[in-house]
Every structure is written in C-alpha cells, then in structure tokens.
Amino acid sequence: MRARSVALNVSLGCCRHYSLENAGQKAWLSRSLVMIAHQRPPPVDLPKDLPEQFFSQLPKRLRPDRGKRPIVVHSPLPAIKKTCPDPVRTVQESQLQLLDPSSARTALFSRSNPEAAKPGDILHVTFRSGEPFSGVFMAHRSRGQDSSILLRNHLTRVGTEMQVKIYSPNVTGIEIADRAEKRPRRKRLYYLRLPKHDRGEVSGIVLRYLRAKQNLASGGQSDVFSGGRSTNKKKKKR
C-alpha cells in the first residue's frame, strides 16, 4: 500500500511539471504572437499632389509649405573686462555714493586730507538710536563701505573699546573733539591698552568741546556753564 502511494505521488509530480512547462510555452507563444501582430508599420511617404486643405492636419515638420527654417545669428556679448574691468570696486563705489553722498566721512579719514582725523585724536560719535560714545582714536580699518574705527574710553573706571562703522546708517555724526599734541609714529595705537600708556577717561575733554561748540552756535549769547550753573548772572546789591 505504501509503495503504491509513493508511485502515485511520483506520477502526480510528473503531471504537474509537464503542465507547468506547457503553461510557460503557451505564454511565450501568445506573447510572440502579440509582438508580431503589433509591429510598427513602415513609413508611408506623403502624396505629392496632396490638397492644401489637408495641410492643417499634418504635423508642422511634415507640411510641404513649411520651407527652411531661418538660422538666427546673435551678435556676441561684450567682454566683461571691457565693460567692467574691476566689478568689486564698481560695487563699492556705488554703495559709497548711497551711504555717503556728500563724501564728508570719506574726507574725514582720507590720507590726502591734512585736516583728517589721525590716530591719537579724541572723536565724538553720535548715533541715531542710543547714547553717543567718545574715545581715543586707536585704529582705522579701511574696507570700503565696511570701514570702521576703534575708539577707547573709560566708563566707570573700566577700559571700554567700541568699533564704529564709518558708513553705518545708524551713525549720525563723527566729530573731532581734540587733536593729539604729538603725532604718534604708529598707525595702530594698541599699546594704549597697557596701564602705562592708557589715557584714561576723556569725557571731560569732550564736555568742554561740546560747551564751546554750543557757545559758538548761539553767537556768544549763551552762558558758559560751570558745574551746571551760569557765571554771567549779576550779583545782587546788598
């Protein structure tokens, strides 16, 4: 009984394998027939005596009345070296014209100007928003529209430095409060950070400059302040 069942299983396995092979052949045969039936038709030339009323139904590339397409030749663009030999400098000059149209700040720190600010001078800077700042002119960083100056002062007995952008829209004015008596030999006075050479607080010098400026602006009619009180008042007779 067991041998009979084994022979039956073998015969069934052979039938299953044969059916799978036939199924694959049938699929391949049907696929090949479909490919043969759907071949691309050969191209057919257009009739020479085709009426013009059928031209609109044809693609543009096959229309007999299309003609040859004209070739447009464009003139070459001008060389950038001729139109703008130094683009970085051109952009910087255009920005400086917007930020400093009167060239007053450029002349204030120009090397060719004998009245320009020099290292060692005391500068007074006012801002559009915030309190003004005064200090000793230590260094000048020349970078076009990004040029800046470094000022040093003492606030509450603590050395304070501020880097001010010369062409910043937030800066409303830069004034020279006091000139240095002797011009230093160096261009950058970083040695002022040492206690031996530190000039200390310069608010008193700036305050005297502002009082003198106010007196000149009013034509000499304003009083000269001394400790917040006027000294031009007449003394009362006893």
C-alpha atoms as a PDB file:
ATOM      1  CA  MET A   1       0.000   0.000   0.000  1.00  0.00           C
ATOM      2  CA  ARG A   2       2.867   2.346   0.855  1.00  0.00           C
ATOM      3  CA  ALA A   3       4.704   1.583  -2.402  1.00  0.00           C
ATOM      4  CA  ARG A   4       1.523   2.299  -4.352  1.00  0.00           C
ATOM      5  CA  SER A   5       1.096   5.684  -2.704  1.00  0.00           C
ATOM      6  CA  VAL A   6       4.714   6.607  -3.488  1.00  0.00           C
ATOM      7  CA  ALA A   7       4.252   5.674  -7.161  1.00  0.00           C
ATOM      8  CA  LEU A   8       1.061   7.724  -7.285  1.00  0.00           C
ATOM      9  CA  ASN A   9       2.829  10.771  -5.852  1.00  0.00           C
ATOM     10  CA  VAL A  10       5.641  10.456  -8.395  1.00  0.00           C
ATOM     11  CA  SER A  11       3.169  10.240 -11.278  1.00  0.00           C
ATOM     12  CA  LEU A  12       1.262  13.290  -9.994  1.00  0.00           C
ATOM     13  CA  GLY A  13       4.507  15.267  -9.660  1.00  0.00           C
ATOM     14  CA  CYS A  14       5.422  14.475 -13.271  1.00  0.00           C
ATOM     15  CA  CYS A  15       1.993  15.629 -14.473  1.00  0.00           C
ATOM     16  CA  ARG A  16       2.324  18.873 -12.514  1.00  0.00           C
ATOM     17  CA  HIS A  17       5.773  19.538 -14.002  1.00  0.00           C
ATOM     18  CA  TYR A  18       4.501  18.858 -17.516  1.00  0.00           C
ATOM     19  CA  SER A  19       1.547  21.181 -17.050  1.00  0.00           C
ATOM     20  CA  LEU A  20       3.833  23.988 -15.833  1.00  0.00           C
ATOM     21  CA  GLU A  21       6.108  23.603 -18.844  1.00  0.00           C
ATOM     22  CA  ASN A  22       3.139  23.716 -21.217  1.00  0.00           C
ATOM     23  CA  ALA A  23       1.786  26.809 -19.491  1.00  0.00           C
ATOM     24  CA  GLY A  24       5.142  28.604 -19.984  1.00  0.00           C
ATOM     25  CA  GLN A  25       5.241  27.644 -23.639  1.00  0.00           C
ATOM     26  CA  LYS A  26       1.690  28.839 -24.175  1.00  0.00           C
ATOM     27  CA  ALA A  27       2.508  32.199 -22.527  1.00  0.00           C
ATOM     28  CA  TRP A  28       5.636  32.635 -24.647  1.00  0.00           C
ATOM     29  CA  LEU A  29       3.733  31.679 -27.788  1.00  0.00           C
ATOM     30  CA  SER A  30       0.951  34.157 -27.078  1.00  0.00           C
ATOM     31  CA  ARG A  31       3.477  36.887 -26.277  1.00  0.00           C
ATOM     32  CA  SER A  32       5.382  36.293 -29.511  1.00  0.00           C
ATOM     33  CA  LEU A  33       2.152  36.370 -31.496  1.00  0.00           C
ATOM     34  CA  VAL A  34       1.187  39.678 -29.932  1.00  0.00           C
ATOM     35  CA  MET A  35       4.573  41.168 -30.818  1.00  0.00           C
ATOM     36  CA  ILE A  36       4.209  40.022 -34.374  1.00  0.00           C
ATOM     37  CA  ALA A  37       0.697  41.444 -34.617  1.00  0.00           C
ATOM     38  CA  HIS A  38       1.677  44.847 -33.155  1.00  0.00           C
ATOM     39  CA  GLN A  39       4.757  45.613 -35.195  1.00  0.00           C
ATOM     40  CA  ARG A  40       5.425  49.226 -36.159  1.00  0.00           C
ATOM     41  CA  PRO A  41       4.077  49.928 -39.624  1.00  0.00           C
ATOM     42  CA  PRO A  42       6.565  51.058 -42.239  1.00  0.00           C
ATOM     43  CA  PRO A  43       6.623  54.804 -43.016  1.00  0.00           C
ATOM     44  CA  VAL A  44       4.480  55.959 -45.874  1.00  0.00           C
ATOM     45  CA  ASP A  45       5.517  58.922 -47.992  1.00  0.00           C
ATOM     46  CA  LEU A  46       3.097  61.783 -48.437  1.00  0.00           C
ATOM     47  CA  PRO A  47       1.470  62.050 -51.826  1.00  0.00           C
ATOM     48  CA  LYS A  48       2.899  64.763 -53.985  1.00  0.00           C
ATOM     49  CA  ASP A  49      -0.489  66.066 -55.093  1.00  0.00           C
ATOM     50  CA  LEU A  50      -1.909  66.438 -51.551  1.00  0.00           C
ATOM     51  CA  PRO A  51      -4.504  69.272 -51.454  1.00  0.00           C
ATOM     52  CA  GLU A  52      -3.741  72.281 -49.252  1.00  0.00           C
ATOM     53  CA  GLN A  53      -6.911  71.766 -47.233  1.00  0.00           C
ATOM     54  CA  PHE A  54      -5.228  68.766 -45.557  1.00  0.00           C
ATOM     55  CA  PHE A  55      -2.061  70.636 -44.558  1.00  0.00           C
ATOM     56  CA  SER A  56      -3.547  71.675 -41.219  1.00  0.00           C
ATOM     57  CA  GLN A  57      -3.973  68.020 -40.222  1.00  0.00           C
ATOM     58  CA  LEU A  58      -0.292  67.259 -40.656  1.00  0.00           C
ATOM     59  CA  PRO A  59       2.452  68.000 -38.105  1.00  0.00           C
ATOM     60  CA  LYS A  60       4.394  71.193 -38.715  1.00  0.00           C
ATOM     61  CA  ARG A  61       7.569  69.295 -39.532  1.00  0.00           C
ATOM     62  CA  LEU A  62       5.824  67.342 -42.341  1.00  0.00           C
ATOM     63  CA  ARG A  63       3.978  70.177 -44.034  1.00  0.00           C
ATOM     64  CA  PRO A  64       5.148  70.770 -47.618  1.00  0.00           C
ATOM     65  CA  ASP A  65       4.659  74.560 -47.323  1.00  0.00           C
ATOM     66  CA  ARG A  66       6.854  74.914 -44.257  1.00  0.00           C
ATOM     67  CA  GLY A  67      10.068  75.718 -46.056  1.00  0.00           C
ATOM     68  CA  LYS A  68      13.503  76.009 -44.496  1.00  0.00           C
ATOM     69  CA  ARG A  69      13.854  77.394 -41.002  1.00  0.00           C
ATOM     70  CA  PRO A  70      15.970  80.564 -40.940  1.00  0.00           C
ATOM     71  CA  ILE A  71      19.081  80.438 -38.772  1.00  0.00           C
ATOM     72  CA  VAL A  72      19.293  83.411 -36.405  1.00  0.00           C
ATOM     73  CA  VAL A  73      22.832  84.544 -35.667  1.00  0.00           C
ATOM     74  CA  HIS A  74      23.174  86.631 -32.494  1.00  0.00           C
ATOM     75  CA  SER A  75      25.999  89.074 -32.010  1.00  0.00           C
ATOM     76  CA  PRO A  76      28.451  88.115 -29.220  1.00  0.00           C
ATOM     77  CA  LEU A  77      28.117  89.781 -25.841  1.00  0.00           C
ATOM     78  CA  PRO A  78      30.715  92.406 -24.939  1.00  0.00           C
ATOM     79  CA  ALA A  79      33.616  91.175 -22.843  1.00  0.00           C
ATOM     80  CA  ILE A  80      33.217  91.798 -19.113  1.00  0.00           C
ATOM     81  CA  LYS A  81      36.800  93.035 -18.911  1.00  0.00           C
ATOM     82  CA  LYS A  82      35.967  95.912 -21.254  1.00  0.00           C
ATOM     83  CA  THR A  83      32.637  96.951 -19.735  1.00  0.00           C
ATOM     84  CA  CYS A  84      33.607  96.443 -16.072  1.00  0.00           C
ATOM     85  CA  PRO A  85      37.304  95.713 -15.535  1.00  0.00           C
ATOM     86  CA  ASP A  86      37.018  95.829 -11.701  1.00  0.00           C
ATOM     87  CA  PRO A  87      33.495  94.769 -10.615  1.00  0.00           C
ATOM     88  CA  VAL A  88      34.283  94.750  -6.865  1.00  0.00           C
ATOM     89  CA  ARG A  89      35.479  98.335  -6.937  1.00  0.00           C
ATOM     90  CA  THR A  90      32.467  99.394  -9.007  1.00  0.00           C
ATOM     91  CA  VAL A  91      30.057  97.904  -6.475  1.00  0.00           C
ATOM     92  CA  GLN A  92      31.907  99.545  -3.588  1.00  0.00           C
ATOM     93  CA  GLU A  93      31.785 102.965  -5.247  1.00  0.00           C
ATOM     94  CA  SER A  94      28.050 102.647  -5.908  1.00  0.00           C
ATOM     95  CA  GLN A  95      27.458 101.697  -2.260  1.00  0.00           C
ATOM     96  CA  LEU A  96      29.552 104.619  -1.022  1.00  0.00           C
ATOM     97  CA  GLN A  97      27.502 107.020  -3.145  1.00  0.00           C
ATOM     98  CA  LEU A  98      24.360 105.794  -1.402  1.00  0.00           C
ATOM     99  CA  LEU A  99      25.798 105.791   2.133  1.00  0.00           C
ATOM    100  CA  ASP A 100      27.908 108.959   1.871  1.00  0.00           C
ATOM    101  CA  PRO A 101      26.605 111.197  -0.959  1.00  0.00           C
ATOM    102  CA  SER A 102      28.497 114.295   0.284  1.00  0.00           C
ATOM    103  CA  SER A 103      31.799 112.358   0.784  1.00  0.00           C
ATOM    104  CA  ALA A 104      32.226 114.088   4.165  1.00  0.00           C
ATOM    105  CA  ARG A 105      33.064 110.922   6.081  1.00  0.00           C
ATOM    106  CA  THR A 106      35.401 109.744   3.348  1.00  0.00           C
ATOM    107  CA  ALA A 107      37.324 113.034   3.576  1.00  0.00           C
ATOM    108  CA  LEU A 108      37.399 112.826   7.397  1.00  0.00           C
ATOM    109  CA  PHE A 109      39.569 109.694   7.219  1.00  0.00           C
ATOM    110  CA  SER A 110      41.346 110.297   3.895  1.00  0.00           C
ATOM    111  CA  ARG A 111      45.148 110.207   3.859  1.00  0.00           C
ATOM    112  CA  SER A 112      45.329 113.079   1.386  1.00  0.00           C
ATOM    113  CA  ASN A 113      43.313 115.407   3.652  1.00  0.00           C
ATOM    114  CA  PRO A 114      45.575 117.343   6.077  1.00  0.00           C
ATOM    115  CA  GLU A 115      42.578 118.050   8.338  1.00  0.00           C
ATOM    116  CA  ALA A 116      41.576 114.382   8.577  1.00  0.00           C
ATOM    117  CA  ALA A 117      41.350 112.517  11.861  1.00  0.00           C
ATOM    118  CA  LYS A 118      44.622 110.901  12.924  1.00  0.00           C
ATOM    119  CA  PRO A 119      45.347 108.147  15.447  1.00  0.00           C
ATOM    120  CA  GLY A 120      45.579 109.686  18.895  1.00  0.00           C
ATOM    121  CA  ASP A 121      42.771 112.223  18.378  1.00  0.00           C
ATOM    122  CA  ILE A 122      39.643 112.192  20.521  1.00  0.00           C
ATOM    123  CA  LEU A 123      36.481 111.563  18.490  1.00  0.00           C
ATOM    124  CA  HIS A 124      32.847 112.062  19.460  1.00  0.00           C
ATOM    125  CA  VAL A 125      30.341 109.770  17.694  1.00  0.00           C
ATOM    126  CA  THR A 126      26.568 110.215  17.830  1.00  0.00           C
ATOM    127  CA  PHE A 127      24.066 107.543  16.879  1.00  0.00           C
ATOM    128  CA  ARG A 128      20.512 107.561  15.603  1.00  0.00           C
ATOM    129  CA  SER A 129      19.456 105.237  18.413  1.00  0.00           C
ATOM    130  CA  GLY A 130      21.439 105.055  21.632  1.00  0.00           C
ATOM    131  CA  GLU A 131      23.789 107.254  23.608  1.00  0.00           C
ATOM    132  CA  PRO A 132      26.836 108.896  21.999  1.00  0.00           C
ATOM    133  CA  PHE A 133      30.297 107.490  22.545  1.00  0.00           C
ATOM    134  CA  SER A 134      33.631 109.286  22.775  1.00  0.00           C
ATOM    135  CA  GLY A 135      37.125 107.897  22.920  1.00  0.00           C
ATOM    136  CA  VAL A 136      40.688 107.961  21.695  1.00  0.00           C
ATOM    137  CA  PHE A 137      41.082 107.095  18.026  1.00  0.00           C
ATOM    138  CA  MET A 138      43.201 103.917  18.164  1.00  0.00           C
ATOM    139  CA  ALA A 139      42.988 102.322  14.696  1.00  0.00           C
ATOM    140  CA  HIS A 140      41.338 102.667  11.305  1.00  0.00           C
ATOM    141  CA  ARG A 141      40.229  99.610   9.336  1.00  0.00           C
ATOM    142  CA  SER A 142      39.851 100.529   5.655  1.00  0.00           C
ATOM    143  CA  ARG A 143      37.487  98.104   3.889  1.00  0.00           C
ATOM    144  CA  GLY A 144      35.424 100.256   1.523  1.00  0.00           C
ATOM    145  CA  GLN A 145      31.829 100.538   2.721  1.00  0.00           C
ATOM    146  CA  ASP A 146      32.734  98.296   5.687  1.00  0.00           C
ATOM    147  CA  SER A 147      35.424 100.648   7.013  1.00  0.00           C
ATOM    148  CA  SER A 148      35.464 101.123  10.775  1.00  0.00           C
ATOM    149  CA  ILE A 149      37.350 102.904  13.550  1.00  0.00           C
ATOM    150  CA  LEU A 150      38.325 101.711  17.021  1.00  0.00           C
ATOM    151  CA  LEU A 151      37.742 104.065  19.973  1.00  0.00           C
ATOM    152  CA  ARG A 152      38.849 103.613  23.580  1.00  0.00           C
ATOM    153  CA  ASN A 153      37.486 105.301  26.699  1.00  0.00           C
ATOM    154  CA  HIS A 154      36.931 104.594  30.393  1.00  0.00           C
ATOM    155  CA  LEU A 155      33.393 104.046  31.660  1.00  0.00           C
ATOM    156  CA  THR A 156      33.037 103.686  35.442  1.00  0.00           C
ATOM    157  CA  ARG A 157      36.822 103.257  35.657  1.00  0.00           C
ATOM    158  CA  VAL A 158      36.733 100.300  33.268  1.00  0.00           C
ATOM    159  CA  GLY A 159      38.509 100.413  29.923  1.00  0.00           C
ATOM    160  CA  THR A 160      35.941 100.178  27.115  1.00  0.00           C
ATOM    161  CA  GLU A 161      36.520  99.910  23.379  1.00  0.00           C
ATOM    162  CA  MET A 162      33.994 100.292  20.578  1.00  0.00           C
ATOM    163  CA  GLN A 163      34.370  99.565  16.883  1.00  0.00           C
ATOM    164  CA  VAL A 164      32.233 102.024  14.899  1.00  0.00           C
ATOM    165  CA  LYS A 165      31.252 101.529  11.273  1.00  0.00           C
ATOM    166  CA  ILE A 166      32.006 104.791   9.475  1.00  0.00           C
ATOM    167  CA  TYR A 167      29.286 104.461   6.821  1.00  0.00           C
ATOM    168  CA  SER A 168      26.653 102.857   9.033  1.00  0.00           C
ATOM    169  CA  PRO A 169      23.166 104.437   8.667  1.00  0.00           C
ATOM    170  CA  ASN A 170      22.901 104.333  12.466  1.00  0.00           C
ATOM    171  CA  VAL A 171      25.831 106.781  12.809  1.00  0.00           C
ATOM    172  CA  THR A 172      24.601 110.375  12.520  1.00  0.00           C
ATOM    173  CA  GLY A 173      27.877 112.222  13.076  1.00  0.00           C
ATOM    174  CA  ILE A 174      31.610 111.870  13.803  1.00  0.00           C
ATOM    175  CA  GLU A 175      33.401 114.918  15.221  1.00  0.00           C
ATOM    176  CA  ILE A 176      36.976 115.609  16.307  1.00  0.00           C
ATOM    177  CA  ALA A 177      36.791 116.798  19.921  1.00  0.00           C
ATOM    178  CA  ASP A 178      40.529 117.241  20.472  1.00  0.00           C
ATOM    179  CA  ARG A 179      43.723 116.866  18.487  1.00  0.00           C
ATOM    180  CA  ALA A 180      46.736 114.975  19.735  1.00  0.00           C
ATOM    181  CA  GLU A 181      49.587 117.284  20.742  1.00  0.00           C
ATOM    182  CA  LYS A 182      52.190 114.960  19.262  1.00  0.00           C
ATOM    183  CA  ARG A 183      51.560 112.646  16.381  1.00  0.00           C
ATOM    184  CA  PRO A 184      52.366 109.023  17.219  1.00  0.00           C
ATOM    185  CA  ARG A 185      54.676 107.113  14.943  1.00  0.00           C
ATOM    186  CA  ARG A 186      52.391 104.144  14.789  1.00  0.00           C
ATOM    187  CA  LYS A 187      49.234 103.748  12.766  1.00  0.00           C
ATOM    188  CA  ARG A 188      47.514 101.498  15.318  1.00  0.00           C
ATOM    189  CA  LEU A 189      47.798 102.507  18.940  1.00  0.00           C
ATOM    190  CA  TYR A 190      47.162  99.173  20.583  1.00  0.00           C
ATOM    191  CA  TYR A 191      49.749  99.979  23.228  1.00  0.00           C
ATOM    192  CA  LEU A 192      47.153 102.293  24.857  1.00  0.00           C
ATOM    193  CA  ARG A 193      45.697  99.177  26.446  1.00  0.00           C
ATOM    194  CA  LEU A 194      48.705  98.974  28.745  1.00  0.00           C
ATOM    195  CA  PRO A 195      48.293 100.774  32.089  1.00  0.00           C
ATOM    196  CA  LYS A 196      51.490 102.720  31.437  1.00  0.00           C
ATOM    197  CA  HIS A 197      50.149 104.419  28.281  1.00  0.00           C
ATOM    198  CA  ASP A 198      46.410 104.421  28.959  1.00  0.00           C
ATOM    199  CA  ARG A 199      44.955 107.941  28.677  1.00  0.00           C
ATOM    200  CA  GLY A 200      42.032 107.163  30.954  1.00  0.00           C
ATOM    201  CA  GLU A 201      38.637 108.852  30.739  1.00  0.00           C
ATOM    202  CA  VAL A 202      38.177 111.572  28.102  1.00  0.00           C
ATOM    203  CA  SER A 203      34.624 112.638  28.909  1.00  0.00           C
ATOM    204  CA  GLY A 204      35.852 115.913  30.434  1.00  0.00           C
ATOM    205  CA  ILE A 205      37.629 116.929  27.216  1.00  0.00           C
ATOM    206  CA  VAL A 206      34.545 116.060  25.156  1.00  0.00           C
ATOM    207  CA  LEU A 207      32.288 118.018  27.507  1.00  0.00           C
ATOM    208  CA  ARG A 208      34.414 121.168  27.121  1.00  0.00           C
ATOM    209  CA  TYR A 209      34.319 120.725  23.340  1.00  0.00           C
ATOM    210  CA  LEU A 210      30.515 120.455  23.317  1.00  0.00           C
ATOM    211  CA  ARG A 211      30.163 123.545  25.505  1.00  0.00           C
ATOM    212  CA  ALA A 212      32.436 125.560  23.233  1.00  0.00           C
ATOM    213  CA  LYS A 213      30.513 124.346  20.193  1.00  0.00           C
ATOM    214  CA  GLN A 214      27.211 125.340  21.757  1.00  0.00           C
ATOM    215  CA  ASN A 215      28.600 128.766  22.624  1.00  0.00           C
ATOM    216  CA  LEU A 216      29.773 129.341  19.042  1.00  0.00           C
ATOM    217  CA  ALA A 217      26.463 128.136  17.595  1.00  0.00           C
ATOM    218  CA  SER A 218      24.495 130.631  19.709  1.00  0.00           C
ATOM    219  CA  GLY A 219      26.746 133.562  18.722  1.00  0.00           C
ATOM    220  CA  GLY A 220      28.273 134.046  22.152  1.00  0.00           C
ATOM    221  CA  GLN A 221      24.921 134.820  23.782  1.00  0.00           C
ATOM    222  CA  SER A 222      24.703 131.571  25.715  1.00  0.00           C
ATOM    223  CA  ASP A 223      26.216 131.324  29.171  1.00  0.00           C
ATOM    224  CA  VAL A 224      29.334 129.336  29.833  1.00  0.00           C
ATOM    225  CA  PHE A 225      28.305 126.600  32.209  1.00  0.00           C
ATOM    226  CA  SER A 226      30.286 125.925  35.321  1.00  0.00           C
ATOM    227  CA  GLY A 227      29.098 122.985  37.306  1.00  0.00           C
ATOM    228  CA  GLY A 228      25.590 123.303  35.875  1.00  0.00           C
ATOM    229  CA  ARG A 229      25.188 126.999  36.881  1.00  0.00           C
ATOM    230  CA  SER A 230      25.647 130.193  34.899  1.00  0.00           C
ATOM    231  CA  THR A 231      28.551 132.550  35.794  1.00  0.00           C
ATOM    232  CA  ASN A 232      27.212 135.636  33.959  1.00  0.00           C
ATOM    233  CA  LYS A 233      24.448 136.468  36.422  1.00  0.00           C
ATOM    234  CA  LYS A 234      24.716 139.825  38.067  1.00  0.00           C
ATOM    235  CA  LYS A 235      25.310 139.857  41.776  1.00  0.00           C
ATOM    236  CA  LYS A 236      22.587 141.363  43.854  1.00  0.00           C
ATOM    237  CA  LYS A 237      23.447 144.531  45.700  1.00  0.00           C
ATOM    238  CA  ARG A 238      23.172 144.382  49.408  1.00  0.00           C
END
